[in-house]
Structures are given as structure tokens and as C-alpha cells.
Amino acid sequence: MEKVFTKDDLVKDLIKVGIQQGDLLHLKVSMRSIGKVKGGANTLLDALLEVVGPEGTLISDAFITVFPLPLTDEQKRKIAYDHTPSYAGVFANAMLKHPDMVRSKHPIQKFAAIGKFAKELCEAHTPESGGYEILEKMCELDAVNLTIGKQVAGVGTTHVAIDLLGLKRTLQNIGTMYRNVNGEVKLAKVNWNGGCAHGFPKFIPLYHEHGAVIGYDKIGEANGLYTSMKKTLEIEMSVLKENPQFFLCDDKACYSCQMTWDHSPKKKLSFYFSWLKKNFNSLSLSRLKKLKKANS
């Protein structure tokens, strides 16, 4: 019979991984990886709030969808607001529905927060802020990160390290509409660096090796990685100063890593050959479907 995890089960697992009362906690959560939870994401949220207590704070990525510019008329009507749903997953959207939730004022890279420092951090994350500036402030406050998933893609501070070191890439021309503090509808464009999720996990062994990992254990059926944000940032800064290409993934057909950064290899012939080799079968199938449709 499939195991069904209760709030009590999750509380025990969170304590076992190391979560403490008063933690300022940045969360990246895959609910699917945990397994079946009685009450779903709301149960995990209740368990986290119980473990960190009234002096604690939970902050989750709760970013919103952007569109290629110029926007269509329909896209212009999709104005971002505090309760705009996030693509960041079920848990992030459960946080958005909590009565004590505070959403950061940044129009795109929005975070959802509950707890002692929620208002302070979210109100300081404005349209003029960098996309990940709120994480930098959390590092200064000795915050911790909890990533729950089958595999850990990253802990968030890599984005901060990239920005602090001034690493740049060709930015996509994308954005969305939002309403500013004066009630005016404005266009927000993405003007910060992202990165490839397949490259960031290369830091995980270094977190373990250099003491950034506070706890690592099962939460439900998922892996829970509990880290010091200040220490993960220190490790990333040190590594990227010596080797800015470290966070690039190893896929020679990855356009983001191979071509868009100022320090990308930019070996065009190698990239295009790798991309064609990787996508040949799907391109052939697509062409075959088009020919069948044209002749039907």
C-alpha cells in the first residue's frame, strides 16, 4: 500500500533534516517528489510553519510568466499583481493563498513570504531591484535554504554570485505588464541574468565538501538539502572568480551555456553540429508529420 504522509510525519522529517525554530528559510519544493501527502501542499506549509515557529520566516520563489516583446493585446491585459499564480509549482501557489502571505513588489521575480521578516524583505524587493536581490539580503541575515526534491538543481545563491561578479549574458527580449505603487500600468522587462538548471548542480559536491551543508535527509520520499545561504554564496563566489565557466552545463548543444554568456565558449561550428545531432530525430519526425498533413 502506498505510504500517505501526514503533517506529523513531515514535522518529524523537517526536524530530522535540521530545520530550527526561528529559521529564515528559503524554499525550493517539488511536492511530487515527496510522495502522497494528506492535505497536499497546505499540509507541508503547515508543518514548516510549525517547525520554524512565530520567530521564523518562510520565503519561496513565486515567479510569474513573461512573454516575448512586443506584447500582444491579450498579453497586455495580463497585469501582474500580488496574487498572480506562479509557475514555480504547487507549494509556491499554496503559499500565495495563505492569509498571512506577503509578496515581493518586484513585477516578475516575485517571492512569497510568511513570517517575521516577510514584510521587511518583500517591500524592499521593488521594480528597481535586481531579480535575485532579496536572496542577497537573506545571505546577510544568515538565512538557510531548504531544497526538497529527487534531485537538487540549485539553492538560489548562484544567481547572487553571478550578479555580484558582474557576469553577463545576452538577455532575452521578454517581459510583462504590472501596476506600480501609483496605480499606473507599466512594462517590466527581464534585465537580470538567469542560468541553466543543468549547470548549477555542479556546485552541490562543493557545498558538502566545504561545510555549507547543515543537514541532508529524507523528507517524505524526497531528498532534503539544508544549507547555509551565506556559505553556499561564499563557495560560489570563490569558484566563479577562478573559473567563470564552472556553472555552464556540459551539453554542447545547450544554446544558453554555449552561446549567450560573455564567457561562453561560442564555438559556433561545434554548437550547431551538436544541436543538429541532438535534434535530428525530432526534426525529421516533425518534417514527416508536415509532409503527411500536406498530402492528406
Protein backbone atom coordinates (compact mmCIF):
# COMPACT_ATOMS: atom_id res chain seq x y z
CA MET A 1 0.00 0.00 0.00
CA GLU A 2 1.25 3.47 -0.89
CA LYS A 3 2.52 5.48 2.07
CA VAL A 4 0.48 8.60 2.85
CA PHE A 5 2.47 11.24 4.72
CA THR A 6 0.75 13.28 7.43
CA LYS A 7 1.67 16.61 8.95
CA ASP A 8 3.25 14.82 11.92
CA ASP A 9 5.38 12.75 9.53
CA LEU A 10 6.61 15.87 7.77
CA VAL A 11 7.29 17.73 11.03
CA LYS A 12 9.49 14.83 12.18
CA ASP A 13 11.35 14.79 8.85
CA LEU A 14 11.89 18.55 8.86
CA ILE A 15 13.31 18.44 12.39
CA LYS A 16 15.48 15.45 11.42
CA VAL A 17 16.99 17.34 8.46
CA GLY A 18 17.83 20.19 10.85
CA ILE A 19 15.17 22.90 10.47
CA GLN A 20 15.01 25.01 13.64
CA GLN A 21 12.74 27.47 15.39
CA GLY A 22 13.41 30.99 14.14
CA ASP A 23 14.92 29.97 10.79
CA LEU A 24 14.79 32.46 7.93
CA LEU A 25 14.21 29.79 5.32
CA HIS A 26 14.38 29.98 1.52
CA LEU A 27 12.41 27.12 -0.03
CA LYS A 28 12.56 25.22 -3.31
CA VAL A 29 9.98 22.42 -3.20
CA SER A 30 8.88 19.62 -5.50
CA MET A 31 5.67 18.26 -3.96
CA ARG A 32 5.56 15.36 -6.41
CA SER A 33 8.92 14.08 -5.19
CA ILE A 34 7.70 13.89 -1.57
CA GLY A 35 5.04 11.34 -2.43
CA LYS A 36 1.40 11.33 -1.38
CA VAL A 37 0.72 13.89 1.35
CA LYS A 38 -2.58 14.03 3.19
CA GLY A 39 -3.84 17.55 2.52
CA GLY A 40 -1.20 18.22 -0.16
CA ALA A 41 0.95 21.35 -0.22
CA ASN A 42 -1.05 23.02 2.56
CA THR A 43 0.00 20.24 4.93
CA LEU A 44 3.69 20.78 4.15
CA LEU A 45 3.23 24.54 4.61
CA ASP A 46 1.56 23.99 8.00
CA ALA A 47 4.39 21.64 9.02
CA LEU A 48 7.06 24.18 8.03
CA LEU A 49 5.31 27.00 9.89
CA GLU A 50 5.08 24.83 13.00
CA VAL A 51 8.77 23.91 12.89
CA VAL A 52 10.14 27.45 12.32
CA GLY A 53 7.64 28.92 14.81
CA PRO A 54 6.44 32.54 15.20
CA GLU A 55 10.01 33.92 15.04
CA GLY A 56 10.71 32.13 11.76
CA THR A 57 10.13 33.18 8.15
CA LEU A 58 9.40 31.15 5.03
CA ILE A 59 10.26 32.53 1.59
CA SER A 60 9.58 30.71 -1.67
CA ASP A 61 10.32 31.51 -5.29
CA ALA A 62 6.98 32.55 -6.79
CA PHE A 63 7.99 33.94 -10.18
CA ILE A 64 5.44 34.77 -12.86
CA THR A 65 5.24 34.13 -16.59
CA VAL A 66 6.73 36.61 -19.05
CA PHE A 67 6.15 36.98 -22.80
CA PRO A 68 8.19 37.88 -25.89
CA LEU A 69 8.12 41.61 -26.68
CA PRO A 70 6.26 43.39 -28.11
CA LEU A 71 3.28 42.06 -26.15
CA THR A 72 0.04 41.14 -27.86
CA ASP A 73 -3.14 42.96 -26.82
CA GLU A 74 -4.18 39.88 -24.81
CA GLN A 75 -0.81 39.76 -23.03
CA LYS A 76 -1.02 43.46 -22.21
CA ARG A 77 -4.22 42.74 -20.28
CA LYS A 78 -2.45 40.14 -18.08
CA ILE A 79 -1.30 42.62 -15.45
CA ALA A 80 0.79 41.12 -12.64
CA TYR A 81 -0.49 41.59 -9.09
CA ASP A 82 0.21 40.17 -5.64
CA HIS A 83 -1.86 37.00 -6.10
CA THR A 84 -0.95 36.26 -9.73
CA PRO A 85 -0.33 32.49 -9.85
CA SER A 86 3.28 31.35 -10.16
CA TYR A 87 4.81 28.76 -12.47
CA ALA A 88 7.13 27.76 -9.59
CA GLY A 89 4.94 24.85 -8.51
CA VAL A 90 2.15 23.67 -6.23
CA PHE A 91 3.87 24.65 -2.99
CA ALA A 92 4.57 28.22 -4.14
CA ASN A 93 0.91 28.64 -5.09
CA ALA A 94 -0.20 27.24 -1.72
CA MET A 95 1.88 29.96 -0.06
CA LEU A 96 0.21 32.58 -2.26
CA LYS A 97 -3.19 31.59 -0.86
CA HIS A 98 -2.14 31.76 2.79
CA PRO A 99 -3.83 34.66 4.65
CA ASP A 100 -0.50 35.87 6.09
CA MET A 101 1.36 35.79 2.77
CA VAL A 102 3.34 38.86 1.66
CA ARG A 103 4.50 39.04 -1.98
CA SER A 104 7.60 40.91 -3.03
CA LYS A 105 7.00 44.09 -5.05
CA HIS A 106 9.24 43.08 -7.93
CA PRO A 107 6.96 42.79 -11.00
CA ILE A 108 8.38 39.48 -12.33
CA GLN A 109 10.83 37.73 -9.97
CA LYS A 110 8.26 37.69 -7.21
CA PHE A 111 8.82 35.84 -3.94
CA ALA A 112 6.12 34.75 -1.48
CA ALA A 113 6.86 35.09 2.24
CA ILE A 114 5.21 34.31 5.57
CA GLY A 115 6.59 35.18 8.99
CA LYS A 116 8.66 37.64 10.97
CA PHE A 117 10.80 39.12 8.15
CA ALA A 118 8.24 38.69 5.35
CA LYS A 119 7.13 42.31 5.07
CA GLU A 120 10.61 43.79 5.56
CA LEU A 121 12.21 41.68 2.83
CA CYS A 122 9.34 41.77 0.34
CA GLU A 123 8.74 45.52 0.48
CA ALA A 124 12.44 46.12 -0.21
CA HIS A 125 12.28 43.95 -3.36
CA THR A 126 10.90 46.55 -5.77
CA PRO A 127 10.75 47.06 -9.56
CA GLU A 128 14.11 48.81 -9.27
CA SER A 129 15.73 45.81 -7.52
CA GLY A 130 17.72 43.09 -9.18
CA GLY A 131 15.76 39.91 -9.77
CA TYR A 132 17.57 38.00 -7.00
CA GLU A 133 18.44 40.89 -4.69
CA ILE A 134 16.15 39.53 -1.99
CA LEU A 135 18.35 36.41 -1.74
CA GLU A 136 21.43 38.58 -1.28
CA LYS A 137 19.74 40.30 1.68
CA MET A 138 18.84 36.89 3.11
CA CYS A 139 22.51 35.85 2.96
CA GLU A 140 23.40 38.91 5.01
CA LEU A 141 20.82 37.80 7.61
CA ASP A 142 22.34 34.29 7.91
CA ALA A 143 19.36 32.67 6.21
CA VAL A 144 19.21 28.99 5.34
CA ASN A 145 17.98 27.17 2.27
CA LEU A 146 15.88 24.02 2.09
CA THR A 147 15.61 22.26 -1.25
CA ILE A 148 13.17 19.34 -1.41
CA GLY A 149 13.26 17.13 -4.49
CA LYS A 150 14.52 13.94 -6.08
CA GLN A 151 17.48 15.87 -7.44
CA VAL A 152 18.78 19.24 -6.28
CA ALA A 153 19.05 21.68 -9.20
CA GLY A 154 20.43 24.54 -7.14
CA VAL A 155 19.96 26.59 -3.99
CA GLY A 156 19.40 30.08 -5.41
CA THR A 157 22.57 31.82 -4.29
CA THR A 158 24.36 31.04 -7.57
CA HIS A 159 22.26 33.80 -9.15
CA VAL A 160 23.53 36.20 -6.48
CA ALA A 161 27.15 35.20 -7.11
CA ILE A 162 26.73 35.70 -10.87
CA ASP A 163 25.33 39.20 -10.33
CA LEU A 164 27.93 40.23 -7.72
CA LEU A 165 30.75 39.13 -10.02
CA GLY A 166 29.27 41.06 -12.94
CA LEU A 167 28.96 38.04 -15.25
CA LYS A 168 26.78 38.97 -18.22
CA ARG A 169 24.80 37.28 -20.95
CA THR A 170 22.68 38.29 -23.93
CA LEU A 171 19.27 38.95 -22.41
CA GLN A 172 16.03 37.75 -23.94
CA ASN A 173 13.60 40.45 -25.03
CA ILE A 174 10.76 39.39 -22.71
CA GLY A 175 8.55 40.98 -20.07
CA THR A 176 5.04 41.63 -18.76
CA MET A 177 2.79 44.42 -17.54
CA TYR A 178 2.40 45.40 -13.90
CA ARG A 179 0.81 48.14 -11.81
CA ASN A 180 3.20 50.39 -9.87
CA VAL A 181 2.63 51.97 -6.44
CA ASN A 182 0.87 54.91 -8.09
CA GLY A 183 -1.59 52.62 -9.85
CA GLU A 184 -0.02 53.17 -13.27
CA VAL A 185 0.28 50.21 -15.65
CA LYS A 186 3.91 49.81 -16.74
CA LEU A 187 6.01 47.37 -18.75
CA ALA A 188 8.62 45.35 -16.87
CA LYS A 189 11.42 43.77 -18.89
CA VAL A 190 13.73 40.98 -17.78
CA ASN A 191 17.06 42.72 -17.18
CA TRP A 192 18.91 40.22 -14.98
CA ASN A 193 20.84 37.03 -15.64
CA GLY A 194 19.27 33.63 -15.24
CA GLY A 195 21.19 30.47 -15.95
CA CYS A 196 20.97 26.82 -16.93
CA ALA A 197 19.50 24.49 -14.30
CA HIS A 198 21.69 21.67 -15.62
CA GLY A 199 24.87 23.54 -14.70
CA PHE A 200 24.07 24.71 -11.18
CA PRO A 201 24.09 21.19 -9.61
CA LYS A 202 27.86 21.07 -10.23
CA PHE A 203 28.20 23.09 -7.01
CA ILE A 204 26.42 20.50 -4.82
CA PRO A 205 29.51 18.35 -4.06
CA LEU A 206 31.41 21.53 -3.14
CA TYR A 207 28.70 22.51 -0.63
CA HIS A 208 29.21 19.16 1.09
CA GLU A 209 33.00 19.35 0.89
CA HIS A 210 33.33 22.88 2.26
CA GLY A 211 30.81 22.84 5.10
CA ALA A 212 27.80 24.61 3.61
CA VAL A 213 25.50 21.61 4.18
CA ILE A 214 23.85 21.66 7.61
CA GLY A 215 21.61 18.65 7.02
CA TYR A 216 20.74 16.12 4.33
CA ASP A 217 17.96 13.58 4.84
CA LYS A 218 14.65 12.31 3.55
CA ILE A 219 11.51 14.47 3.67
CA GLY A 220 8.78 12.08 2.73
CA GLU A 221 10.29 10.22 -0.23
CA ALA A 222 12.28 13.27 -1.40
CA ASN A 223 15.81 14.39 -0.63
CA GLY A 224 16.02 17.39 1.68
CA LEU A 225 19.16 19.54 1.41
CA TYR A 226 19.52 22.12 4.20
CA THR A 227 22.30 24.66 3.64
CA SER A 228 23.71 27.94 4.89
CA MET A 229 23.00 30.57 2.24
CA LYS A 230 26.00 32.65 3.33
CA LYS A 231 28.32 29.66 2.92
CA THR A 232 26.93 28.50 -0.42
CA LEU A 233 27.40 32.05 -1.72
CA GLU A 234 30.99 32.17 -0.42
CA ILE A 235 31.78 28.89 -2.19
CA GLU A 236 30.20 30.04 -5.46
CA MET A 237 31.99 33.39 -5.38
CA SER A 238 35.35 31.70 -4.80
CA VAL A 239 34.87 29.15 -7.57
CA LEU A 240 33.49 31.57 -10.17
CA LYS A 241 36.26 34.13 -9.58
CA GLU A 242 38.73 31.45 -10.64
CA ASN A 243 36.59 29.81 -13.32
CA PRO A 244 33.54 31.77 -14.59
CA GLN A 245 32.62 28.86 -16.88
CA PHE A 246 32.15 26.45 -13.94
CA PHE A 247 28.34 26.83 -13.82
CA LEU A 248 27.89 26.22 -17.56
CA CYS A 249 26.41 22.80 -18.30
CA ASP A 250 28.26 20.11 -20.26
CA ASP A 251 25.70 19.85 -23.06
CA LYS A 252 27.45 21.09 -26.21
CA ALA A 253 24.00 21.67 -27.75
CA CYS A 254 22.82 23.99 -24.93
CA TYR A 255 22.40 27.41 -26.54
CA SER A 256 22.20 29.21 -23.17
CA CYS A 257 25.53 27.88 -21.93
CA GLN A 258 27.42 27.59 -25.20
CA MET A 259 26.46 30.89 -26.83
CA THR A 260 24.74 33.53 -24.64
CA TRP A 261 27.25 34.40 -21.89
CA ASP A 262 30.14 36.82 -22.45
CA HIS A 263 32.40 33.97 -21.27
CA SER A 264 30.59 31.19 -23.21
CA PRO A 265 32.83 29.09 -25.48
CA LYS A 266 31.00 30.43 -28.58
CA LYS A 267 32.35 27.67 -30.80
CA LYS A 268 29.67 28.06 -33.44
CA LEU A 269 30.51 25.10 -35.66
CA SER A 270 30.74 22.76 -32.66
CA PHE A 271 27.48 24.09 -31.22
CA TYR A 272 25.47 23.83 -34.45
CA PHE A 273 26.80 20.33 -35.17
CA SER A 274 25.91 19.20 -31.63
CA TRP A 275 22.48 20.84 -31.82
CA LEU A 276 21.65 19.19 -35.16
CA LYS A 277 22.86 15.82 -33.90
CA LYS A 278 20.76 16.14 -30.74
CA ASN A 279 17.61 17.32 -32.55
CA PHE A 280 17.86 15.32 -35.80
CA ASN A 281 15.26 12.71 -34.88
CA SER A 282 12.69 15.22 -33.64
CA LEU A 283 13.27 17.46 -36.67
CA SER A 284 12.83 14.50 -39.03
CA LEU A 285 9.62 13.45 -37.27
CA SER A 286 8.25 16.99 -37.43
CA ARG A 287 9.04 17.23 -41.14
CA LEU A 288 7.42 13.85 -41.78
CA LYS A 289 4.23 14.95 -40.00
CA LYS A 290 4.10 18.14 -42.09
CA LEU A 291 4.50 16.15 -45.31
CA LYS A 292 1.75 13.74 -44.31
CA LYS A 293 -0.55 16.64 -43.45
CA ALA A 294 0.18 18.39 -46.74
CA ASN A 295 -0.61 15.22 -48.71
CA SER A 296 -3.71 14.20 -46.77
